Amino acid sequence: MTIEAFMLWGAMPALAASAVCATIRLLKGPSLADRAVAVDLLGAICIGFVAAFALAVDEPMLVDVALAIALIGFLGTVAFARYIERGA
């Protein structure tokens, strides 16, 4: 196992721990904005996890999945900003 593969497989548990922390913030967040930031963070963590997994298993098609997740996350953030802008 190369050092690159070792680092990639080591990053995945760290990303999973980050996802657990973001999920806790999502569930306990005192305001709607906290929960929206937690969902956005979960999307970013998911992108990192998919990208690291794609590099670890040498499967470039998974990068397209990460790109799709990023696009959905961006659209969700824009939708939330419009919702807040309307004064809800």
N, C-alpha and C. Protein backbone atom coordinates (compact mmCIF):
# COMPACT_ATOMS: atom_id res chain seq x y z
N MET A 1 0.85 -1.17 0.00
CA MET A 1 0.00 0.00 0.00
C MET A 1 0.89 1.24 0.00
N THR A 2 0.62 2.14 -0.91
CA THR A 2 1.41 3.36 -1.00
C THR A 2 0.97 4.35 0.07
N ILE A 3 1.79 5.35 0.27
CA ILE A 3 1.47 6.36 1.27
C ILE A 3 0.24 7.16 0.84
N GLU A 4 0.07 7.34 -0.47
CA GLU A 4 -1.10 8.06 -0.97
C GLU A 4 -2.39 7.30 -0.65
N ALA A 5 -2.40 6.02 -0.89
CA ALA A 5 -3.58 5.21 -0.58
C ALA A 5 -3.83 5.17 0.92
N PHE A 6 -2.77 5.09 1.70
CA PHE A 6 -2.91 5.09 3.15
C PHE A 6 -3.55 6.39 3.63
N MET A 7 -3.11 7.52 3.08
CA MET A 7 -3.67 8.81 3.47
C MET A 7 -5.13 8.94 3.04
N LEU A 8 -5.44 8.43 1.85
CA LEU A 8 -6.82 8.51 1.38
C LEU A 8 -7.74 7.66 2.25
N TRP A 9 -7.32 6.43 2.57
CA TRP A 9 -8.15 5.59 3.42
C TRP A 9 -8.19 6.12 4.86
N GLY A 10 -7.20 6.89 5.25
CA GLY A 10 -7.22 7.52 6.57
C GLY A 10 -8.11 8.75 6.62
N ALA A 11 -8.29 9.41 5.49
CA ALA A 11 -9.13 10.61 5.44
C ALA A 11 -10.61 10.26 5.55
N MET A 12 -10.98 9.08 5.10
CA MET A 12 -12.40 8.72 5.10
C MET A 12 -13.00 8.62 6.50
N PRO A 13 -12.32 8.00 7.49
CA PRO A 13 -12.89 8.04 8.85
C PRO A 13 -12.96 9.45 9.43
N ALA A 14 -12.00 10.29 9.07
CA ALA A 14 -12.05 11.68 9.54
C ALA A 14 -13.25 12.40 8.94
N LEU A 15 -13.53 12.15 7.69
CA LEU A 15 -14.71 12.75 7.06
C LEU A 15 -16.00 12.19 7.67
N ALA A 16 -15.99 10.93 8.01
CA ALA A 16 -17.17 10.34 8.65
C ALA A 16 -17.41 10.95 10.02
N ALA A 17 -16.34 11.18 10.78
CA ALA A 17 -16.48 11.84 12.09
C ALA A 17 -17.00 13.27 11.92
N SER A 18 -16.53 13.95 10.90
CA SER A 18 -17.03 15.30 10.62
C SER A 18 -18.50 15.28 10.26
N ALA A 19 -18.92 14.25 9.53
CA ALA A 19 -20.32 14.12 9.16
C ALA A 19 -21.20 13.89 10.40
N VAL A 20 -20.68 13.13 11.35
CA VAL A 20 -21.44 12.91 12.59
C VAL A 20 -21.60 14.23 13.34
N CYS A 21 -20.53 15.01 13.43
CA CYS A 21 -20.61 16.31 14.11
C CYS A 21 -21.58 17.25 13.41
N ALA A 22 -21.56 17.27 12.08
CA ALA A 22 -22.48 18.12 11.33
C ALA A 22 -23.92 17.65 11.50
N THR A 23 -24.12 16.35 11.59
CA THR A 23 -25.47 15.83 11.80
C THR A 23 -26.00 16.22 13.18
N ILE A 24 -25.14 16.20 14.16
CA ILE A 24 -25.55 16.64 15.50
C ILE A 24 -25.96 18.11 15.46
N ARG A 25 -25.20 18.93 14.74
CA ARG A 25 -25.55 20.35 14.62
C ARG A 25 -26.86 20.50 13.86
N LEU A 26 -27.09 19.65 12.88
CA LEU A 26 -28.33 19.70 12.12
C LEU A 26 -29.53 19.39 13.01
N LEU A 27 -29.38 18.42 13.89
CA LEU A 27 -30.48 18.03 14.75
C LEU A 27 -30.69 18.99 15.93
N LYS A 28 -29.62 19.56 16.47
CA LYS A 28 -29.71 20.39 17.66
C LYS A 28 -29.67 21.88 17.36
N GLY A 29 -29.45 22.26 16.09
CA GLY A 29 -29.27 23.66 15.75
C GLY A 29 -30.38 24.54 16.27
N PRO A 30 -30.03 25.60 16.98
CA PRO A 30 -31.09 26.42 17.57
C PRO A 30 -31.86 27.25 16.53
N SER A 31 -31.26 27.53 15.41
CA SER A 31 -31.96 28.35 14.41
C SER A 31 -31.97 27.65 13.06
N LEU A 32 -32.80 28.18 12.19
CA LEU A 32 -32.90 27.62 10.85
C LEU A 32 -31.61 27.82 10.07
N ALA A 33 -30.94 28.93 10.30
CA ALA A 33 -29.68 29.20 9.61
C ALA A 33 -28.60 28.19 10.02
N ASP A 34 -28.56 27.81 11.29
CA ASP A 34 -27.60 26.80 11.75
C ASP A 34 -27.85 25.47 11.05
N ARG A 35 -29.10 25.12 10.91
CA ARG A 35 -29.43 23.87 10.25
C ARG A 35 -29.09 23.91 8.77
N ALA A 36 -29.30 25.05 8.13
CA ALA A 36 -28.97 25.17 6.71
C ALA A 36 -27.45 25.07 6.48
N VAL A 37 -26.68 25.68 7.38
CA VAL A 37 -25.22 25.59 7.27
C VAL A 37 -24.78 24.15 7.49
N ALA A 38 -25.43 23.44 8.41
CA ALA A 38 -25.08 22.04 8.66
C ALA A 38 -25.38 21.17 7.44
N VAL A 39 -26.49 21.43 6.77
CA VAL A 39 -26.81 20.67 5.55
C VAL A 39 -25.79 20.97 4.46
N ASP A 40 -25.40 22.22 4.34
CA ASP A 40 -24.38 22.60 3.36
C ASP A 40 -23.05 21.93 3.69
N LEU A 41 -22.70 21.89 4.95
CA LEU A 41 -21.47 21.22 5.38
C LEU A 41 -21.53 19.73 5.11
N LEU A 42 -22.67 19.11 5.34
CA LEU A 42 -22.81 17.68 5.03
C LEU A 42 -22.62 17.42 3.54
N GLY A 43 -23.11 18.33 2.71
CA GLY A 43 -22.89 18.19 1.27
C GLY A 43 -21.41 18.28 0.91
N ALA A 44 -20.71 19.21 1.54
CA ALA A 44 -19.27 19.36 1.28
C ALA A 44 -18.50 18.14 1.76
N ILE A 45 -18.88 17.61 2.91
CA ILE A 45 -18.23 16.40 3.42
C ILE A 45 -18.48 15.22 2.50
N CYS A 46 -19.70 15.13 2.01
CA CYS A 46 -20.05 14.05 1.07
C CYS A 46 -19.22 14.16 -0.21
N ILE A 47 -19.02 15.36 -0.69
CA ILE A 47 -18.19 15.58 -1.88
C ILE A 47 -16.76 15.12 -1.61
N GLY A 48 -16.23 15.49 -0.45
CA GLY A 48 -14.88 15.08 -0.10
C GLY A 48 -14.75 13.57 0.03
N PHE A 49 -15.77 12.95 0.62
CA PHE A 49 -15.74 11.49 0.79
C PHE A 49 -15.77 10.79 -0.56
N VAL A 50 -16.65 11.23 -1.45
CA VAL A 50 -16.76 10.61 -2.77
C VAL A 50 -15.47 10.83 -3.57
N ALA A 51 -14.90 12.02 -3.48
CA ALA A 51 -13.66 12.30 -4.21
C ALA A 51 -12.50 11.46 -3.67
N ALA A 52 -12.39 11.34 -2.35
CA ALA A 52 -11.33 10.52 -1.77
C ALA A 52 -11.51 9.05 -2.14
N PHE A 53 -12.74 8.58 -2.12
CA PHE A 53 -13.01 7.19 -2.50
C PHE A 53 -12.70 6.97 -3.97
N ALA A 54 -13.02 7.95 -4.82
CA ALA A 54 -12.72 7.83 -6.25
C ALA A 54 -11.21 7.72 -6.49
N LEU A 55 -10.44 8.49 -5.75
CA LEU A 55 -8.98 8.39 -5.88
C LEU A 55 -8.45 7.09 -5.32
N ALA A 56 -9.04 6.63 -4.21
CA ALA A 56 -8.53 5.41 -3.57
C ALA A 56 -8.76 4.17 -4.42
N VAL A 57 -9.90 4.10 -5.09
CA VAL A 57 -10.21 2.91 -5.89
C VAL A 57 -9.91 3.14 -7.37
N ASP A 58 -9.39 4.30 -7.71
CA ASP A 58 -9.01 4.65 -9.09
C ASP A 58 -10.21 4.51 -10.03
N GLU A 59 -11.28 5.17 -9.67
CA GLU A 59 -12.50 5.16 -10.48
C GLU A 59 -12.89 6.61 -10.80
N PRO A 60 -12.47 7.13 -11.96
CA PRO A 60 -12.72 8.54 -12.27
C PRO A 60 -14.20 8.89 -12.48
N MET A 61 -15.04 7.91 -12.73
CA MET A 61 -16.47 8.21 -12.93
C MET A 61 -17.12 8.74 -11.65
N LEU A 62 -16.56 8.41 -10.51
CA LEU A 62 -17.13 8.88 -9.25
C LEU A 62 -16.94 10.38 -9.06
N VAL A 63 -16.01 10.97 -9.78
CA VAL A 63 -15.82 12.41 -9.70
C VAL A 63 -17.05 13.12 -10.27
N ASP A 64 -17.70 12.52 -11.26
CA ASP A 64 -18.94 13.08 -11.78
C ASP A 64 -20.04 13.07 -10.72
N VAL A 65 -20.06 12.04 -9.90
CA VAL A 65 -21.03 11.97 -8.80
C VAL A 65 -20.76 13.11 -7.82
N ALA A 66 -19.51 13.35 -7.51
CA ALA A 66 -19.16 14.44 -6.60
C ALA A 66 -19.57 15.79 -7.19
N LEU A 67 -19.40 15.94 -8.49
CA LEU A 67 -19.80 17.18 -9.15
C LEU A 67 -21.31 17.37 -9.10
N ALA A 68 -22.07 16.30 -9.26
CA ALA A 68 -23.53 16.39 -9.18
C ALA A 68 -23.97 16.75 -7.77
N ILE A 69 -23.32 16.18 -6.77
CA ILE A 69 -23.64 16.52 -5.38
C ILE A 69 -23.34 18.00 -5.11
N ALA A 70 -22.25 18.50 -5.66
CA ALA A 70 -21.90 19.91 -5.48
C ALA A 70 -22.95 20.81 -6.13
N LEU A 71 -23.42 20.44 -7.29
CA LEU A 71 -24.44 21.24 -7.97
C LEU A 71 -25.74 21.25 -7.17
N ILE A 72 -26.15 20.11 -6.66
CA ILE A 72 -27.37 20.05 -5.86
C ILE A 72 -27.22 20.86 -4.58
N GLY A 73 -26.05 20.78 -3.95
CA GLY A 73 -25.81 21.56 -2.74
C GLY A 73 -25.83 23.05 -3.01
N PHE A 74 -25.27 23.47 -4.13
CA PHE A 74 -25.29 24.89 -4.49
C PHE A 74 -26.71 25.38 -4.72
N LEU A 75 -27.49 24.60 -5.44
CA LEU A 75 -28.88 24.99 -5.69
C LEU A 75 -29.69 25.04 -4.41
N GLY A 76 -29.41 24.13 -3.49
CA GLY A 76 -30.10 24.16 -2.20
C GLY A 76 -29.73 25.40 -1.40
N THR A 77 -28.48 25.81 -1.45
CA THR A 77 -28.06 27.01 -0.74
C THR A 77 -28.70 28.25 -1.34
N VAL A 78 -28.79 28.31 -2.66
CA VAL A 78 -29.45 29.44 -3.31
C VAL A 78 -30.93 29.47 -2.95
N ALA A 79 -31.58 28.32 -2.93
CA ALA A 79 -32.99 28.26 -2.56
C ALA A 79 -33.20 28.73 -1.12
N PHE A 80 -32.32 28.34 -0.23
CA PHE A 80 -32.43 28.77 1.16
C PHE A 80 -32.23 30.28 1.28
N ALA A 81 -31.29 30.83 0.52
CA ALA A 81 -31.04 32.27 0.56
C ALA A 81 -32.27 33.04 0.06
N ARG A 82 -32.92 32.53 -0.96
CA ARG A 82 -34.15 33.17 -1.44
C ARG A 82 -35.26 33.09 -0.39
N TYR A 83 -35.32 31.97 0.30
CA TYR A 83 -36.32 31.79 1.35
C TYR A 83 -36.10 32.80 2.48
N ILE A 84 -34.86 32.97 2.89
CA ILE A 84 -34.54 33.94 3.94
C ILE A 84 -34.78 35.36 3.46
N GLU A 85 -34.48 35.63 2.20
CA GLU A 85 -34.65 36.97 1.65
C GLU A 85 -36.12 37.41 1.67
N ARG A 86 -37.04 36.47 1.54
CA ARG A 86 -38.46 36.80 1.54
C ARG A 86 -38.98 37.14 2.94
N GLY A 87 -38.15 36.93 3.93
CA GLY A 87 -38.52 37.30 5.29
C GLY A 87 -39.23 36.22 6.08
N ALA A 88 -38.97 34.99 5.74
CA ALA A 88 -39.65 33.89 6.44
C ALA A 88 -38.94 33.52 7.71
